[in-house]
Protein backbone atom coordinates (compact mmCIF):
# COMPACT_ATOMS: atom_id res chain seq x y z
CA UNK A 1 0.09 -0.05 -0.37
CA UNK A 2 2.29 2.66 0.54
CA UNK A 3 4.12 1.84 -2.46
CA UNK A 4 0.81 2.77 -4.26
CA UNK A 5 0.27 6.04 -2.01
CA UNK A 6 3.91 7.16 -2.52
CA UNK A 7 3.34 6.48 -6.40
CA UNK A 8 -0.34 8.32 -6.44
CA UNK A 9 0.93 11.33 -4.33
CA UNK A 10 3.80 11.73 -7.40
CA UNK A 11 1.39 11.46 -9.88
CA UNK A 12 -0.91 13.90 -8.34
CA UNK A 13 1.54 16.35 -7.22
CA UNK A 14 2.79 16.46 -10.76
CA UNK A 15 -0.37 16.50 -12.80
CA UNK A 16 -2.76 17.68 -10.17
CA UNK A 17 -6.19 15.96 -9.27
CA UNK A 18 -8.07 16.25 -13.07
CA UNK A 19 -5.46 15.50 -14.78
CA UNK A 20 -4.10 11.95 -14.80
CA UNK A 21 -6.12 9.21 -15.87
CA UNK A 22 -6.41 5.82 -14.33
CA UNK A 23 -3.90 4.56 -16.40
CA UNK A 24 -1.70 7.29 -15.52
CA UNK A 25 -2.12 6.26 -11.59
CA UNK A 26 -1.89 2.55 -12.37
CA UNK A 27 1.74 3.70 -13.91
CA UNK A 28 2.72 5.94 -10.97
CA UNK A 29 1.84 3.42 -8.47
CA UNK A 30 3.63 0.66 -10.27
CA UNK A 31 0.85 -2.05 -10.07
CA UNK A 32 -1.92 -3.69 -11.97
CA UNK A 33 -5.21 -2.10 -12.54
CA UNK A 34 -6.55 -4.81 -10.21
CA UNK A 35 -3.90 -4.38 -7.64
CA UNK A 36 -4.75 -0.67 -7.83
CA UNK A 37 -8.65 -1.09 -7.30
CA UNK A 38 -7.89 -3.51 -4.61
CA UNK A 39 -6.51 -1.22 -2.49
CA UNK A 40 -7.81 2.07 -3.64
CA UNK A 41 -11.18 1.00 -5.12
CA UNK A 42 -12.38 4.53 -6.26
CA UNK A 43 -10.67 7.53 -7.73
CA UNK A 44 -11.72 9.15 -4.14
CA UNK A 45 -9.54 6.76 -2.23
CA UNK A 46 -6.58 7.22 -4.26
CA UNK A 47 -6.58 11.15 -3.65
CA UNK A 48 -7.21 10.08 0.13
CA UNK A 49 -4.17 7.55 0.04
CA UNK A 50 -1.89 10.17 -1.83
CA UNK A 51 -2.84 12.73 0.85
CA UNK A 52 -2.25 10.29 3.52
CA UNK A 53 1.61 9.41 2.17
CA UNK A 54 2.43 13.23 1.78
CA UNK A 55 1.05 14.14 5.30
CA UNK A 56 3.16 11.67 7.06
CA UNK A 57 5.89 12.26 5.17
CA UNK A 58 5.73 16.06 5.53
CA UNK A 59 5.44 15.53 9.23
CA UNK A 60 8.57 13.61 9.25
CA UNK A 61 10.36 15.87 7.54
CA UNK A 62 9.36 19.41 9.23
CA UNK A 63 9.39 17.85 13.10
CA UNK A 64 11.56 14.81 12.91
CA UNK A 65 15.00 15.28 15.20
CA UNK A 66 14.35 18.98 15.90
CA UNK A 67 16.88 20.74 18.37
CA UNK A 68 15.85 20.84 21.94
CA UNK A 69 16.17 24.57 22.40
CA UNK A 70 13.09 25.82 21.24
CA UNK A 71 14.17 29.01 19.38
CA UNK A 72 16.15 26.56 17.50
CA UNK A 73 13.34 24.59 16.40
CA UNK A 74 11.71 27.29 15.29
CA UNK A 75 14.04 27.96 13.07
CA UNK A 76 14.31 24.67 11.84
CA UNK A 77 10.89 23.96 11.26
CA UNK A 78 10.46 26.68 9.13
CA UNK A 79 14.04 26.27 7.44
CA UNK A 80 12.42 22.66 7.09
CA UNK A 81 9.25 24.20 5.36
CA UNK A 82 11.57 26.35 2.92
CA UNK A 83 13.67 23.04 1.63
CA UNK A 84 9.85 21.19 1.61
CA UNK A 85 8.77 23.78 -0.53
CA UNK A 86 11.68 23.60 -2.96
CA UNK A 87 12.06 20.16 -3.19
CA UNK A 88 8.30 18.96 -3.08
CA UNK A 89 5.86 21.78 -3.38
CA UNK A 90 6.84 24.73 -5.34
CA UNK A 91 3.29 25.15 -6.81
CA UNK A 92 2.13 25.02 -3.55
CA UNK A 93 0.05 22.83 -1.01
CA UNK A 94 -1.36 19.80 -2.32
CA UNK A 95 -3.85 19.37 0.48
CA UNK A 96 -5.26 23.10 -1.01
CA UNK A 97 -5.09 21.83 -4.15
CA UNK A 98 -7.32 18.94 -3.33
CA UNK A 99 -9.84 21.09 -1.78
CA UNK A 100 -9.82 23.56 -5.12
CA UNK A 101 -10.03 20.42 -7.55
CA UNK A 102 -13.19 19.51 -5.52
CA UNK A 103 -14.51 22.00 -3.29
CA UNK A 104 -17.72 20.13 -2.30
CA UNK A 105 -15.63 17.43 -0.69
CA UNK A 106 -16.60 17.28 3.03
CA UNK A 107 -14.01 14.26 3.19
CA UNK A 108 -11.02 16.63 1.93
CA UNK A 109 -11.93 19.39 3.87
CA UNK A 110 -11.55 17.58 7.16
CA UNK A 111 -8.41 16.05 5.61
CA UNK A 112 -7.27 19.61 5.31
CA UNK A 113 -8.39 20.41 8.52
CA UNK A 114 -6.72 17.28 10.19
CA UNK A 115 -3.45 18.31 8.19
CA UNK A 116 -3.51 22.00 9.11
CA UNK A 117 -4.55 21.46 12.89
CA UNK A 118 -1.54 18.51 13.17
CA UNK A 119 1.32 20.84 11.87
CA UNK A 120 0.02 23.42 13.77
CA UNK A 121 -0.10 21.50 17.24
CA UNK A 122 3.40 20.24 16.54
CA UNK A 123 4.82 23.69 15.92
CA UNK A 124 3.39 24.55 18.77
CA UNK A 125 4.92 21.95 21.26
CA UNK A 126 8.14 21.78 19.97
CA UNK A 127 8.65 25.63 19.66
CA UNK A 128 7.22 26.21 23.04
CA UNK A 129 4.47 28.56 22.02
CA UNK A 130 1.34 26.50 23.39
CA UNK A 131 -0.87 29.32 23.87
CA UNK A 132 0.24 30.61 19.97
CA UNK A 133 -0.77 27.47 17.92
CA UNK A 134 -2.86 29.94 15.73
CA UNK A 135 -0.52 32.31 15.10
CA UNK A 136 2.32 29.54 14.36
CA UNK A 137 0.11 28.08 11.47
CA UNK A 138 -0.52 31.30 9.95
CA UNK A 139 3.33 31.94 9.65
CA UNK A 140 3.62 28.40 8.45
CA UNK A 141 0.91 28.99 5.83
CA UNK A 142 2.11 32.34 5.06
CA UNK A 143 5.23 30.79 4.49
CA UNK A 144 4.56 28.07 2.19
CA UNK A 145 2.04 30.66 -0.07
CA UNK A 146 4.66 33.11 -0.47
CA UNK A 147 7.56 30.80 -0.79
CA UNK A 148 6.46 30.32 -5.00
CA UNK A 149 7.07 33.91 -5.28
CA UNK A 150 10.11 34.86 -2.53
CA UNK A 151 11.85 31.39 -2.12
CA UNK A 152 14.51 31.73 1.14
CA UNK A 153 13.46 35.56 1.53
CA UNK A 154 9.80 34.08 2.23
CA UNK A 155 11.80 31.45 5.15
CA UNK A 156 14.18 34.41 6.77
CA UNK A 157 10.75 36.80 6.83
CA UNK A 158 8.93 33.54 8.57
CA UNK A 159 11.84 33.32 11.17
CA UNK A 160 11.77 37.01 11.89
CA UNK A 161 7.85 36.85 12.48
CA UNK A 162 8.28 33.95 14.41
CA UNK A 163 11.04 35.85 16.74
CA UNK A 164 8.78 38.37 17.19
CA UNK A 165 5.87 36.23 18.24
CA UNK A 166 8.01 34.83 20.94
CA UNK A 167 9.31 38.63 22.07
CA UNK A 168 5.70 39.59 21.74
CA UNK A 169 4.30 36.91 24.32
CA UNK A 170 7.62 37.80 26.76
C-alpha cells in the first residue's frame, strides 16, 4: 500500500487532481489496475491515499529530530518548510489543491483541517509556543504561500515573524 500511495502522491503532485488518467495513476503506482483498485477502489480513495502519504512524509520532514532548544526548533521548522517547498511543493500546498479540485468534498475538507491542525499542534509543542498555535500556523501557511514568489527570503521573513511572536508573548 505504501508503494501505491507514494506513486499516487507523485502523480497527483505532478499532474494535479483532475488531469491524471487511471492508467497514468496505475503506472505511477507501479502496480496492475486490479491491484490499484484492490487497495484504492475509487479515485477518491486514490486521492486520500496520496494525501495520507504526503501528510506523513511532511510531518516527518518538518518535525523529526528537531533541536531541543525551542528557538532553534522554531528556526529549524521554518527552514525545513522552505526546503520542503523547494523540493516537494514548488507550486503550493497539495492539500489545498485537492480541496480546490473538489470544493464540495467534505472528506477532503476534513483531511485538510486535520493536516493543518496537526502541523499547528506539533509546531506549537516543539517551539514552546502552545499559547500561539494559530499564530504559528499562520506563519507556516504564509511561508508556504509566499515561498513560490520569494524563496529563501520568505523563510527568513517567517523566522523573523516567529521571533517577533516569541518576544511579544514574553
